Amino acid sequence: MAPIRNQTCTGCRMKVPIGTIAVLMRDEDIQLCGSCGRYLYLPPELPPEPLPEPAPKKRRGRPPKVKTAA
């Protein structure tokens, strides 16, 4: 048995046709890899990881002029 990751059989590293993946997603039938003959399955999806907070933007150019009392 081999899981499919990124539309690729992890057993032989060959690309799996999208039709094969669609059948597995619909849970209609079992599928074999056309290259290595392993049974294919879709691993359960993990929840997405939270994105890191963006870094604050750096200001460019000269600092603003400061008015002085004369």
PDB file of N, CA and C in Angstrom:
ATOM      1  N   MET A   1       0.840  -1.173   0.000  1.00  0.00           N
ATOM      2  CA  MET A   1       0.000   0.000   0.000  1.00  0.00           C
ATOM      3  C   MET A   1       0.884   1.233   0.000  1.00  0.00           C
ATOM      4  N   ALA A   2       0.397   2.277  -0.678  1.00  0.00           N
ATOM      5  CA  ALA A   2       1.153   3.529  -0.730  1.00  0.00           C
ATOM      6  C   ALA A   2       0.183   4.706  -0.725  1.00  0.00           C
ATOM      7  N   PRO A   3       0.471   5.712   0.112  1.00  0.00           N
ATOM      8  CA  PRO A   3      -0.372   6.904   0.087  1.00  0.00           C
ATOM      9  C   PRO A   3      -0.034   7.780  -1.118  1.00  0.00           C
ATOM     10  N   ILE A   4      -1.004   8.574  -1.520  1.00  0.00           N
ATOM     11  CA  ILE A   4      -0.784   9.542  -2.597  1.00  0.00           C
ATOM     12  C   ILE A   4      -0.513  10.888  -1.952  1.00  0.00           C
ATOM     13  N   ARG A   5       0.586  11.512  -2.333  1.00  0.00           N
ATOM     14  CA  ARG A   5       0.911  12.855  -1.859  1.00  0.00           C
ATOM     15  C   ARG A   5       1.318  13.694  -3.061  1.00  0.00           C
ATOM     16  N   ASN A   6       0.711  14.856  -3.186  1.00  0.00           N
ATOM     17  CA  ASN A   6       1.002  15.765  -4.305  1.00  0.00           C
ATOM     18  C   ASN A   6       0.816  15.066  -5.652  1.00  0.00           C
ATOM     19  N   GLN A   7      -0.257  14.302  -5.767  1.00  0.00           N
ATOM     20  CA  GLN A   7      -0.619  13.569  -6.985  1.00  0.00           C
ATOM     21  C   GLN A   7       0.473  12.594  -7.408  1.00  0.00           C
ATOM     22  N   THR A   8       1.212  12.064  -6.434  1.00  0.00           N
ATOM     23  CA  THR A   8       2.312  11.140  -6.717  1.00  0.00           C
ATOM     24  C   THR A   8       2.203   9.918  -5.822  1.00  0.00           C
ATOM     25  N   CYS A   9       2.437   8.741  -6.387  1.00  0.00           N
ATOM     26  CA  CYS A   9       2.508   7.511  -5.609  1.00  0.00           C
ATOM     27  C   CYS A   9       3.796   7.576  -4.790  1.00  0.00           C
ATOM     28  N   THR A  10       3.670   7.443  -3.460  1.00  0.00           N
ATOM     29  CA  THR A  10       4.874   7.530  -2.638  1.00  0.00           C
ATOM     30  C   THR A  10       5.698   6.241  -2.682  1.00  0.00           C
ATOM     31  N   GLY A  11       5.148   5.189  -3.271  1.00  0.00           N
ATOM     32  CA  GLY A  11       5.890   3.942  -3.395  1.00  0.00           C
ATOM     33  C   GLY A  11       6.928   3.989  -4.501  1.00  0.00           C
ATOM     34  N   CYS A  12       6.535   4.546  -5.655  1.00  0.00           N
ATOM     35  CA  CYS A  12       7.451   4.550  -6.806  1.00  0.00           C
ATOM     36  C   CYS A  12       7.761   5.955  -7.329  1.00  0.00           C
ATOM     37  N   ARG A  13       7.132   6.976  -6.713  1.00  0.00           N
ATOM     38  CA  ARG A  13       7.354   8.376  -7.091  1.00  0.00           C
ATOM     39  C   ARG A  13       6.883   8.721  -8.503  1.00  0.00           C
ATOM     40  N   MET A  14       5.916   7.955  -9.002  1.00  0.00           N
ATOM     41  CA  MET A  14       5.352   8.255 -10.320  1.00  0.00           C
ATOM     42  C   MET A  14       4.049   9.033 -10.151  1.00  0.00           C
ATOM     43  N   LYS A  15       3.762   9.936 -11.086  1.00  0.00           N
ATOM     44  CA  LYS A  15       2.549  10.743 -11.039  1.00  0.00           C
ATOM     45  C   LYS A  15       1.328   9.855 -11.262  1.00  0.00           C
ATOM     46  N   VAL A  16       0.281  10.091 -10.468  1.00  0.00           N
ATOM     47  CA  VAL A  16      -0.955   9.315 -10.543  1.00  0.00           C
ATOM     48  C   VAL A  16      -1.969  10.118 -11.349  1.00  0.00           C
ATOM     49  N   PRO A  17      -2.667   9.498 -12.300  1.00  0.00           N
ATOM     50  CA  PRO A  17      -3.669  10.234 -13.081  1.00  0.00           C
ATOM     51  C   PRO A  17      -4.755  10.815 -12.172  1.00  0.00           C
ATOM     52  N   ILE A  18      -5.245  11.998 -12.529  1.00  0.00           N
ATOM     53  CA  ILE A  18      -6.242  12.680 -11.720  1.00  0.00           C
ATOM     54  C   ILE A  18      -7.536  11.874 -11.628  1.00  0.00           C
ATOM     55  N   GLY A  19      -7.847  11.084 -12.648  1.00  0.00           N
ATOM     56  CA  GLY A  19      -9.035  10.233 -12.610  1.00  0.00           C
ATOM     57  C   GLY A  19      -8.951   9.191 -11.504  1.00  0.00           C
ATOM     58  N   THR A  20      -7.779   8.640 -11.294  1.00  0.00           N
ATOM     59  CA  THR A  20      -7.563   7.667 -10.222  1.00  0.00           C
ATOM     60  C   THR A  20      -7.768   8.333  -8.863  1.00  0.00           C
ATOM     61  N   ILE A  21      -7.251   9.536  -8.718  1.00  0.00           N
ATOM     62  CA  ILE A  21      -7.405  10.265  -7.465  1.00  0.00           C
ATOM     63  C   ILE A  21      -8.873  10.607  -7.224  1.00  0.00           C
ATOM     64  N   ALA A  22      -9.590  10.977  -8.285  1.00  0.00           N
ATOM     65  CA  ALA A  22     -11.009  11.311  -8.151  1.00  0.00           C
ATOM     66  C   ALA A  22     -11.813  10.106  -7.667  1.00  0.00           C
ATOM     67  N   VAL A  23     -11.504   8.919  -8.184  1.00  0.00           N
ATOM     68  CA  VAL A  23     -12.209   7.702  -7.738  1.00  0.00           C
ATOM     69  C   VAL A  23     -11.938   7.456  -6.261  1.00  0.00           C
ATOM     70  N   LEU A  24     -10.701   7.645  -5.832  1.00  0.00           N
ATOM     71  CA  LEU A  24     -10.363   7.456  -4.419  1.00  0.00           C
ATOM     72  C   LEU A  24     -11.056   8.495  -3.544  1.00  0.00           C
ATOM     73  N   MET A  25     -11.169   9.735  -4.031  1.00  0.00           N
ATOM     74  CA  MET A  25     -11.821  10.784  -3.257  1.00  0.00           C
ATOM     75  C   MET A  25     -13.310  10.497  -3.069  1.00  0.00           C
ATOM     76  N   ARG A  26     -13.935   9.869  -4.058  1.00  0.00           N
ATOM     77  CA  ARG A  26     -15.364   9.550  -3.975  1.00  0.00           C
ATOM     78  C   ARG A  26     -15.611   8.244  -3.236  1.00  0.00           C
ATOM     79  N   ASP A  27     -14.554   7.536  -2.851  1.00  0.00           N
ATOM     80  CA  ASP A  27     -14.675   6.252  -2.147  1.00  0.00           C
ATOM     81  C   ASP A  27     -15.495   5.241  -2.940  1.00  0.00           C
ATOM     82  N   GLU A  28     -15.301   5.212  -4.262  1.00  0.00           N
ATOM     83  CA  GLU A  28     -16.081   4.322  -5.114  1.00  0.00           C
ATOM     84  C   GLU A  28     -15.442   2.949  -5.285  1.00  0.00           C
ATOM     85  N   ASP A  29     -14.112   2.906  -5.323  1.00  0.00           N
ATOM     86  CA  ASP A  29     -13.432   1.663  -5.664  1.00  0.00           C
ATOM     87  C   ASP A  29     -11.990   1.744  -5.169  1.00  0.00           C
ATOM     88  N   ILE A  30     -11.327   0.596  -5.135  1.00  0.00           N
ATOM     89  CA  ILE A  30      -9.902   0.592  -4.828  1.00  0.00           C
ATOM     90  C   ILE A  30      -9.146   0.869  -6.121  1.00  0.00           C
ATOM     91  N   GLN A  31      -7.949   1.374  -5.998  1.00  0.00           N
ATOM     92  CA  GLN A  31      -7.145   1.695  -7.168  1.00  0.00           C
ATOM     93  C   GLN A  31      -5.728   1.184  -6.963  1.00  0.00           C
ATOM     94  N   LEU A  32      -5.122   0.766  -8.054  1.00  0.00           N
ATOM     95  CA  LEU A  32      -3.728   0.325  -8.046  1.00  0.00           C
ATOM     96  C   LEU A  32      -2.878   1.332  -8.810  1.00  0.00           C
ATOM     97  N   CYS A  33      -1.637   1.474  -8.395  1.00  0.00           N
ATOM     98  CA  CYS A  33      -0.708   2.325  -9.133  1.00  0.00           C
ATOM     99  C   CYS A  33      -0.402   1.658 -10.468  1.00  0.00           C
ATOM    100  N   GLY A  34      -0.473   2.413 -11.532  1.00  0.00           N
ATOM    101  CA  GLY A  34      -0.204   1.878 -12.863  1.00  0.00           C
ATOM    102  C   GLY A  34       1.254   1.533 -13.084  1.00  0.00           C
ATOM    103  N   SER A  35       2.136   2.051 -12.241  1.00  0.00           N
ATOM    104  CA  SER A  35       3.561   1.809 -12.408  1.00  0.00           C
ATOM    105  C   SER A  35       4.064   0.658 -11.537  1.00  0.00           C
ATOM    106  N   CYS A  36       3.780   0.725 -10.222  1.00  0.00           N
ATOM    107  CA  CYS A  36       4.347  -0.276  -9.314  1.00  0.00           C
ATOM    108  C   CYS A  36       3.327  -1.323  -8.849  1.00  0.00           C
ATOM    109  N   GLY A  37       2.043  -1.086  -9.081  1.00  0.00           N
ATOM    110  CA  GLY A  37       1.015  -2.060  -8.726  1.00  0.00           C
ATOM    111  C   GLY A  37       0.577  -2.024  -7.274  1.00  0.00           C
ATOM    112  N   ARG A  38       1.074  -1.066  -6.492  1.00  0.00           N
ATOM    113  CA  ARG A  38       0.653  -0.971  -5.088  1.00  0.00           C
ATOM    114  C   ARG A  38      -0.780  -0.453  -4.997  1.00  0.00           C
ATOM    115  N   TYR A  39      -1.478  -0.856  -3.929  1.00  0.00           N
ATOM    116  CA  TYR A  39      -2.788  -0.285  -3.641  1.00  0.00           C
ATOM    117  C   TYR A  39      -2.581   1.157  -3.197  1.00  0.00           C
ATOM    118  N   LEU A  40      -3.399   2.053  -3.717  1.00  0.00           N
ATOM    119  CA  LEU A  40      -3.267   3.466  -3.398  1.00  0.00           C
ATOM    120  C   LEU A  40      -4.344   3.899  -2.412  1.00  0.00           C
ATOM    121  N   TYR A  41      -4.001   4.855  -1.569  1.00  0.00           N
ATOM    122  CA  TYR A  41      -4.992   5.452  -0.675  1.00  0.00           C
ATOM    123  C   TYR A  41      -4.630   6.901  -0.437  1.00  0.00           C
ATOM    124  N   LEU A  42      -5.649   7.668  -0.050  1.00  0.00           N
ATOM    125  CA  LEU A  42      -5.450   9.068   0.280  1.00  0.00           C
ATOM    126  C   LEU A  42      -5.323   9.184   1.795  1.00  0.00           C
ATOM    127  N   PRO A  43      -4.211   9.716   2.299  1.00  0.00           N
ATOM    128  CA  PRO A  43      -4.066   9.859   3.749  1.00  0.00           C
ATOM    129  C   PRO A  43      -5.045  10.910   4.258  1.00  0.00           C
ATOM    130  N   PRO A  44      -5.446  10.810   5.530  1.00  0.00           N
ATOM    131  CA  PRO A  44      -6.345  11.835   6.069  1.00  0.00           C
ATOM    132  C   PRO A  44      -5.655  13.192   6.053  1.00  0.00           C
ATOM    133  N   GLU A  45      -6.444  14.216   5.746  1.00  0.00           N
ATOM    134  CA  GLU A  45      -5.873  15.562   5.681  1.00  0.00           C
ATOM    135  C   GLU A  45      -5.664  16.112   7.085  1.00  0.00           C
ATOM    136  N   LEU A  46      -4.516  16.732   7.278  1.00  0.00           N
ATOM    137  CA  LEU A  46      -4.221  17.377   8.544  1.00  0.00           C
ATOM    138  C   LEU A  46      -4.781  18.793   8.505  1.00  0.00           C
ATOM    139  N   PRO A  47      -5.207  19.322   9.641  1.00  0.00           N
ATOM    140  CA  PRO A  47      -5.678  20.708   9.622  1.00  0.00           C
ATOM    141  C   PRO A  47      -4.537  21.639   9.232  1.00  0.00           C
ATOM    142  N   PRO A  48      -4.845  22.701   8.501  1.00  0.00           N
ATOM    143  CA  PRO A  48      -3.765  23.599   8.084  1.00  0.00           C
ATOM    144  C   PRO A  48      -3.127  24.284   9.276  1.00  0.00           C
ATOM    145  N   GLU A  49      -1.822  24.476   9.182  1.00  0.00           N
ATOM    146  CA  GLU A  49      -1.100  25.148  10.254  1.00  0.00           C
ATOM    147  C   GLU A  49      -1.361  26.641  10.164  1.00  0.00           C
ATOM    148  N   PRO A  50      -1.457  27.325  11.309  1.00  0.00           N
ATOM    149  CA  PRO A  50      -1.679  28.778  11.246  1.00  0.00           C
ATOM    150  C   PRO A  50      -0.478  29.470  10.604  1.00  0.00           C
ATOM    151  N   LEU A  51      -0.769  30.495   9.829  1.00  0.00           N
ATOM    152  CA  LEU A  51       0.296  31.237   9.164  1.00  0.00           C
ATOM    153  C   LEU A  51       0.991  32.146  10.166  1.00  0.00           C
ATOM    154  N   PRO A  52       2.306  32.315  10.026  1.00  0.00           N
ATOM    155  CA  PRO A  52       3.008  33.226  10.939  1.00  0.00           C
ATOM    156  C   PRO A  52       2.575  34.664  10.673  1.00  0.00           C
ATOM    157  N   GLU A  53       2.647  35.499  11.708  1.00  0.00           N
ATOM    158  CA  GLU A  53       2.272  36.897  11.536  1.00  0.00           C
ATOM    159  C   GLU A  53       3.307  37.582  10.663  1.00  0.00           C
ATOM    160  N   PRO A  54       2.850  38.458   9.747  1.00  0.00           N
ATOM    161  CA  PRO A  54       3.808  39.139   8.876  1.00  0.00           C
ATOM    162  C   PRO A  54       4.685  40.100   9.674  1.00  0.00           C
ATOM    163  N   ALA A  55       5.904  40.236   9.223  1.00  0.00           N
ATOM    164  CA  ALA A  55       6.834  41.155   9.881  1.00  0.00           C
ATOM    165  C   ALA A  55       6.389  42.583   9.604  1.00  0.00           C
ATOM    166  N   PRO A  56       6.623  43.496  10.543  1.00  0.00           N
ATOM    167  CA  PRO A  56       6.229  44.887  10.294  1.00  0.00           C
ATOM    168  C   PRO A  56       7.031  45.450   9.128  1.00  0.00           C
ATOM    169  N   LYS A  57       6.376  46.320   8.361  1.00  0.00           N
ATOM    170  CA  LYS A  57       7.042  46.902   7.191  1.00  0.00           C
ATOM    171  C   LYS A  57       8.080  47.914   7.642  1.00  0.00           C
ATOM    172  N   LYS A  58       9.207  47.883   6.950  1.00  0.00           N
ATOM    173  CA  LYS A  58      10.269  48.836   7.257  1.00  0.00           C
ATOM    174  C   LYS A  58      10.023  50.102   6.445  1.00  0.00           C
ATOM    175  N   ARG A  59      10.267  51.212   7.065  1.00  0.00           N
ATOM    176  CA  ARG A  59      10.092  52.485   6.368  1.00  0.00           C
ATOM    177  C   ARG A  59      11.368  52.794   5.594  1.00  0.00           C
ATOM    178  N   ARG A  60      11.186  53.353   4.430  1.00  0.00           N
ATOM    179  CA  ARG A  60      12.335  53.704   3.594  1.00  0.00           C
ATOM    180  C   ARG A  60      12.485  55.221   3.545  1.00  0.00           C
ATOM    181  N   GLY A  61      13.638  55.645   3.151  1.00  0.00           N
ATOM    182  CA  GLY A  61      13.867  57.074   2.962  1.00  0.00           C
ATOM    183  C   GLY A  61      14.351  57.759   4.220  1.00  0.00           C
ATOM    184  N   ARG A  62      14.346  59.079   4.153  1.00  0.00           N
ATOM    185  CA  ARG A  62      14.811  59.884   5.271  1.00  0.00           C
ATOM    186  C   ARG A  62      13.735  59.986   6.339  1.00  0.00           C
ATOM    187  N   PRO A  63      14.173  60.179   7.564  1.00  0.00           N
ATOM    188  CA  PRO A  63      13.170  60.428   8.609  1.00  0.00           C
ATOM    189  C   PRO A  63      12.525  61.792   8.388  1.00  0.00           C
ATOM    190  N   PRO A  64      11.306  61.989   8.874  1.00  0.00           N
ATOM    191  CA  PRO A  64      10.650  63.297   8.660  1.00  0.00           C
ATOM    192  C   PRO A  64      11.404  64.419   9.373  1.00  0.00           C
ATOM    193  N   LYS A  65      11.308  65.642   8.788  1.00  0.00           N
ATOM    194  CA  LYS A  65      11.984  66.812   9.375  1.00  0.00           C
ATOM    195  C   LYS A  65      11.247  67.213  10.635  1.00  0.00           C
ATOM    196  N   VAL A  66      12.016  67.612  11.617  1.00  0.00           N
ATOM    197  CA  VAL A  66      11.444  68.074  12.866  1.00  0.00           C
ATOM    198  C   VAL A  66      11.580  69.602  12.895  1.00  0.00           C
ATOM    199  N   LYS A  67      10.431  70.259  13.124  1.00  0.00           N
ATOM    200  CA  LYS A  67      10.460  71.728  13.176  1.00  0.00           C
ATOM    201  C   LYS A  67      11.007  72.166  14.530  1.00  0.00           C
ATOM    202  N   THR A  68      11.886  73.129  14.479  1.00  0.00           N
ATOM    203  CA  THR A  68      12.445  73.653  15.718  1.00  0.00           C
ATOM    204  C   THR A  68      11.919  75.079  15.948  1.00  0.00           C
ATOM    205  N   ALA A  69      11.728  75.438  17.189  1.00  0.00           N
ATOM    206  CA  ALA A  69      11.254  76.804  17.507  1.00  0.00           C
ATOM    207  C   ALA A  69      12.421  77.750  17.402  1.00  0.00           C
ATOM    208  N   ALA A  70      12.230  78.889  16.743  1.00  0.00           N
ATOM    209  CA  ALA A  70      13.332  79.844  16.562  1.00  0.00           C
ATOM    210  C   ALA A  70      13.150  81.080  17.381  1.00  0.00           C
TER     211      ALA A  70
END
